[in-house]
Amino acid sequence: MNSEPIALGKALASFDALWSPRIVTRVNDYDVRVAKVDGEHLWHAHDDTDEFFLVLDGELHISLREPAGERTVVLAQGEVFTVPRGTEHKPYTPSGAAILMFEPTGTATVGDRHDRIPAHVDVTTGHALTL
């Protein structure tokens, strides 16, 4: 683990891959990940963990399949939202965004249950950040 401060802007500038988070640090048993996103991710659910999103730049939409029906949450820069464990959701952005996620180490970006994985999705538990 890095013992020096990490500039999130520098971390985001170090890679171009979409929907492919980089681990910027760890807090106890959790990864703090940043990702560049554009277009659609895929419907998925994390059975055993909530998923925290903070929008660093741009706007992120998260469609949710809830018992009362489907709805979409729209997050602007600086806004946060937590998807409850077990909730099917699909993040997407019409114009690109940068996000920060807080998840247990080893959590797959496509969750435990998911639709067919498109070629543009890097199925990973987060890549180590290389600056």
C-alpha atoms as a PDB file:
ATOM      1  CA  MET A   1       0.000   0.000   0.000  1.00  0.00           C
ATOM      2  CA  ASN A   2       1.219   3.465  -0.890  1.00  0.00           C
ATOM      3  CA  SER A   3       2.126   5.627   2.106  1.00  0.00           C
ATOM      4  CA  GLU A   4       2.006   8.870   0.109  1.00  0.00           C
ATOM      5  CA  PRO A   5      -1.008  11.029  -0.818  1.00  0.00           C
ATOM      6  CA  ILE A   6      -2.667  10.154  -4.119  1.00  0.00           C
ATOM      7  CA  ALA A   7      -4.125  12.828  -6.388  1.00  0.00           C
ATOM      8  CA  LEU A   8      -7.328  11.430  -7.899  1.00  0.00           C
ATOM      9  CA  GLY A   9      -6.892  13.539 -11.037  1.00  0.00           C
ATOM     10  CA  LYS A  10      -3.445  12.037 -11.586  1.00  0.00           C
ATOM     11  CA  ALA A  11      -4.798   8.549 -10.904  1.00  0.00           C
ATOM     12  CA  LEU A  12      -7.580   9.011 -13.488  1.00  0.00           C
ATOM     13  CA  ALA A  13      -5.107  10.423 -16.033  1.00  0.00           C
ATOM     14  CA  SER A  14      -2.969   7.274 -15.757  1.00  0.00           C
ATOM     15  CA  PHE A  15      -5.373   5.034 -17.720  1.00  0.00           C
ATOM     16  CA  ASP A  16      -7.961   5.176 -20.516  1.00  0.00           C
ATOM     17  CA  ALA A  17      -9.885   1.892 -20.194  1.00  0.00           C
ATOM     18  CA  LEU A  18     -13.615   2.321 -19.550  1.00  0.00           C
ATOM     19  CA  TRP A  19     -15.483   0.405 -16.833  1.00  0.00           C
ATOM     20  CA  SER A  20     -12.110  -0.889 -15.612  1.00  0.00           C
ATOM     21  CA  PRO A  21     -11.507   0.465 -12.092  1.00  0.00           C
ATOM     22  CA  ARG A  22      -8.125   1.144 -10.533  1.00  0.00           C
ATOM     23  CA  ILE A  23      -7.532   0.594  -6.839  1.00  0.00           C
ATOM     24  CA  VAL A  24      -6.174   3.844  -5.392  1.00  0.00           C
ATOM     25  CA  THR A  25      -5.990   2.651  -1.779  1.00  0.00           C
ATOM     26  CA  ARG A  26      -7.404   0.185   0.706  1.00  0.00           C
ATOM     27  CA  VAL A  27      -9.257   0.881   3.946  1.00  0.00           C
ATOM     28  CA  ASN A  28      -9.342  -2.197   6.171  1.00  0.00           C
ATOM     29  CA  ASP A  29     -10.881  -4.867   3.905  1.00  0.00           C
ATOM     30  CA  TYR A  30     -12.255  -2.391   1.350  1.00  0.00           C
ATOM     31  CA  ASP A  31     -10.902  -1.094  -1.963  1.00  0.00           C
ATOM     32  CA  VAL A  32     -11.251   2.538  -2.905  1.00  0.00           C
ATOM     33  CA  ARG A  33     -11.494   2.414  -6.699  1.00  0.00           C
ATOM     34  CA  VAL A  34     -11.707   5.044  -9.428  1.00  0.00           C
ATOM     35  CA  ALA A  35     -13.025   4.426 -12.918  1.00  0.00           C
ATOM     36  CA  LYS A  36     -13.715   6.219 -16.160  1.00  0.00           C
ATOM     37  CA  VAL A  37     -17.106   5.321 -17.543  1.00  0.00           C
ATOM     38  CA  ASP A  38     -18.993   6.051 -20.738  1.00  0.00           C
ATOM     39  CA  GLY A  39     -22.033   4.438 -22.301  1.00  0.00           C
ATOM     40  CA  GLU A  40     -23.659   1.475 -20.567  1.00  0.00           C
ATOM     41  CA  HIS A  41     -22.360  -1.070 -18.104  1.00  0.00           C
ATOM     42  CA  LEU A  42     -24.624  -4.118 -17.601  1.00  0.00           C
ATOM     43  CA  TRP A  43     -27.421  -5.247 -15.341  1.00  0.00           C
ATOM     44  CA  HIS A  44     -25.908  -6.939 -12.309  1.00  0.00           C
ATOM     45  CA  ALA A  45     -26.308  -7.443  -8.561  1.00  0.00           C
ATOM     46  CA  HIS A  46     -23.957  -7.905  -5.630  1.00  0.00           C
ATOM     47  CA  ASP A  47     -25.574 -10.473  -3.362  1.00  0.00           C
ATOM     48  CA  ASP A  48     -23.483  -9.837  -0.253  1.00  0.00           C
ATOM     49  CA  THR A  49     -22.426  -6.195  -0.367  1.00  0.00           C
ATOM     50  CA  ASP A  50     -23.750  -2.698  -0.966  1.00  0.00           C
ATOM     51  CA  GLU A  51     -22.082  -0.648  -3.719  1.00  0.00           C
ATOM     52  CA  PHE A  52     -21.086   2.968  -3.038  1.00  0.00           C
ATOM     53  CA  PHE A  53     -20.709   5.494  -5.892  1.00  0.00           C
ATOM     54  CA  LEU A  54     -19.289   9.038  -5.763  1.00  0.00           C
ATOM     55  CA  VAL A  55     -19.317  11.027  -9.016  1.00  0.00           C
ATOM     56  CA  LEU A  56     -16.019  12.890  -9.405  1.00  0.00           C
ATOM     57  CA  ASP A  57     -16.795  14.365 -12.826  1.00  0.00           C
ATOM     58  CA  GLY A  58     -19.730  14.239 -15.216  1.00  0.00           C
ATOM     59  CA  GLU A  59     -23.082  12.616 -14.536  1.00  0.00           C
ATOM     60  CA  LEU A  60     -23.878   8.994 -13.717  1.00  0.00           C
ATOM     61  CA  HIS A  61     -27.262   7.309 -14.107  1.00  0.00           C
ATOM     62  CA  ILE A  62     -28.040   4.119 -12.196  1.00  0.00           C
ATOM     63  CA  SER A  63     -31.113   2.144 -13.191  1.00  0.00           C
ATOM     64  CA  LEU A  64     -32.478   0.010 -10.364  1.00  0.00           C
ATOM     65  CA  ARG A  65     -34.833  -2.977 -10.353  1.00  0.00           C
ATOM     66  CA  GLU A  66     -36.666  -2.729  -7.045  1.00  0.00           C
ATOM     67  CA  PRO A  67     -39.739  -4.514  -5.654  1.00  0.00           C
ATOM     68  CA  ALA A  68     -41.877  -1.476  -6.555  1.00  0.00           C
ATOM     69  CA  GLY A  69     -40.539  -1.446 -10.138  1.00  0.00           C
ATOM     70  CA  GLU A  70     -37.694   0.099 -12.084  1.00  0.00           C
ATOM     71  CA  ARG A  71     -36.370   3.583 -11.440  1.00  0.00           C
ATOM     72  CA  THR A  72     -33.292   5.570 -12.372  1.00  0.00           C
ATOM     73  CA  VAL A  73     -31.170   7.641 -10.017  1.00  0.00           C
ATOM     74  CA  VAL A  74     -29.225  10.495 -11.632  1.00  0.00           C
ATOM     75  CA  LEU A  75     -26.049  11.600  -9.869  1.00  0.00           C
ATOM     76  CA  ALA A  76     -24.302  14.881 -10.641  1.00  0.00           C
ATOM     77  CA  GLN A  77     -20.676  15.680  -9.836  1.00  0.00           C
ATOM     78  CA  GLY A  78     -20.118  15.507  -6.082  1.00  0.00           C
ATOM     79  CA  GLU A  79     -23.177  13.362  -5.369  1.00  0.00           C
ATOM     80  CA  VAL A  80     -23.119   9.917  -3.756  1.00  0.00           C
ATOM     81  CA  PHE A  81     -25.461   6.942  -3.826  1.00  0.00           C
ATOM     82  CA  THR A  82     -25.362   3.450  -2.352  1.00  0.00           C
ATOM     83  CA  VAL A  83     -26.999   0.563  -4.190  1.00  0.00           C
ATOM     84  CA  PRO A  84     -28.293  -1.873  -1.544  1.00  0.00           C
ATOM     85  CA  ARG A  85     -26.966  -5.430  -1.659  1.00  0.00           C
ATOM     86  CA  GLY A  86     -29.020  -7.759  -3.826  1.00  0.00           C
ATOM     87  CA  THR A  87     -30.497  -4.919  -5.924  1.00  0.00           C
ATOM     88  CA  GLU A  88     -30.123  -5.379  -9.680  1.00  0.00           C
ATOM     89  CA  HIS A  89     -28.688  -2.212 -11.182  1.00  0.00           C
ATOM     90  CA  LYS A  90     -27.142  -0.875 -14.373  1.00  0.00           C
ATOM     91  CA  PRO A  91     -24.870   2.181 -14.295  1.00  0.00           C
ATOM     92  CA  TYR A  92     -24.617   4.249 -17.462  1.00  0.00           C
ATOM     93  CA  THR A  93     -23.696   7.712 -18.623  1.00  0.00           C
ATOM     94  CA  PRO A  94     -24.680   9.479 -21.831  1.00  0.00           C
ATOM     95  CA  SER A  95     -21.626  11.753 -21.848  1.00  0.00           C
ATOM     96  CA  GLY A  96     -18.872  10.130 -19.799  1.00  0.00           C
ATOM     97  CA  ALA A  97     -18.005  10.382 -16.125  1.00  0.00           C
ATOM     98  CA  ALA A  98     -15.341   9.653 -13.541  1.00  0.00           C
ATOM     99  CA  ILE A  99     -16.455   7.800 -10.428  1.00  0.00           C
ATOM    100  CA  LEU A 100     -15.108   6.576  -7.111  1.00  0.00           C
ATOM    101  CA  MET A 101     -16.384   3.321  -5.611  1.00  0.00           C
ATOM    102  CA  PHE A 102     -15.926   1.829  -2.160  1.00  0.00           C
ATOM    103  CA  GLU A 103     -16.247  -1.969  -2.154  1.00  0.00           C
ATOM    104  CA  PRO A 104     -14.952  -4.999  -0.251  1.00  0.00           C
ATOM    105  CA  THR A 105     -11.641  -6.202  -1.678  1.00  0.00           C
ATOM    106  CA  GLY A 106     -12.258  -8.831  -4.346  1.00  0.00           C
ATOM    107  CA  THR A 107     -15.711  -7.585  -5.376  1.00  0.00           C
ATOM    108  CA  ALA A 108     -16.220  -8.193  -9.111  1.00  0.00           C
ATOM    109  CA  THR A 109     -17.321  -5.207 -11.198  1.00  0.00           C
ATOM    110  CA  VAL A 110     -20.072  -7.348 -12.724  1.00  0.00           C
ATOM    111  CA  GLY A 111     -21.415  -8.566  -9.396  1.00  0.00           C
ATOM    112  CA  ASP A 112     -22.524 -12.066  -8.502  1.00  0.00           C
ATOM    113  CA  ARG A 113     -25.447 -12.152 -10.945  1.00  0.00           C
ATOM    114  CA  HIS A 114     -25.298 -10.387 -14.298  1.00  0.00           C
ATOM    115  CA  ASP A 115     -26.445 -10.193 -17.886  1.00  0.00           C
ATOM    116  CA  ARG A 116     -24.188 -11.410 -20.668  1.00  0.00           C
ATOM    117  CA  ILE A 117     -20.900  -9.541 -20.403  1.00  0.00           C
ATOM    118  CA  PRO A 118     -20.221  -7.315 -23.441  1.00  0.00           C
ATOM    119  CA  ALA A 119     -16.721  -7.143 -24.904  1.00  0.00           C
ATOM    120  CA  HIS A 120     -16.102  -3.604 -23.620  1.00  0.00           C
ATOM    121  CA  VAL A 121     -16.466  -4.650 -19.968  1.00  0.00           C
ATOM    122  CA  ASP A 122     -13.256  -5.609 -18.202  1.00  0.00           C
ATOM    123  CA  VAL A 123     -14.401  -8.249 -15.707  1.00  0.00           C
ATOM    124  CA  THR A 124     -12.103  -7.549 -12.807  1.00  0.00           C
ATOM    125  CA  THR A 125     -11.829  -7.037  -9.121  1.00  0.00           C
ATOM    126  CA  GLY A 126      -9.897  -3.829  -9.801  1.00  0.00           C
ATOM    127  CA  HIS A 127      -6.475  -3.239 -11.273  1.00  0.00           C
ATOM    128  CA  ALA A 128      -3.618  -1.960  -9.179  1.00  0.00           C
ATOM    129  CA  LEU A 129      -2.982   1.717  -9.816  1.00  0.00           C
ATOM    130  CA  THR A 130       0.325   2.447 -11.539  1.00  0.00           C
ATOM    131  CA  LEU A 131       1.368   6.080 -11.630  1.00  0.00           C
END
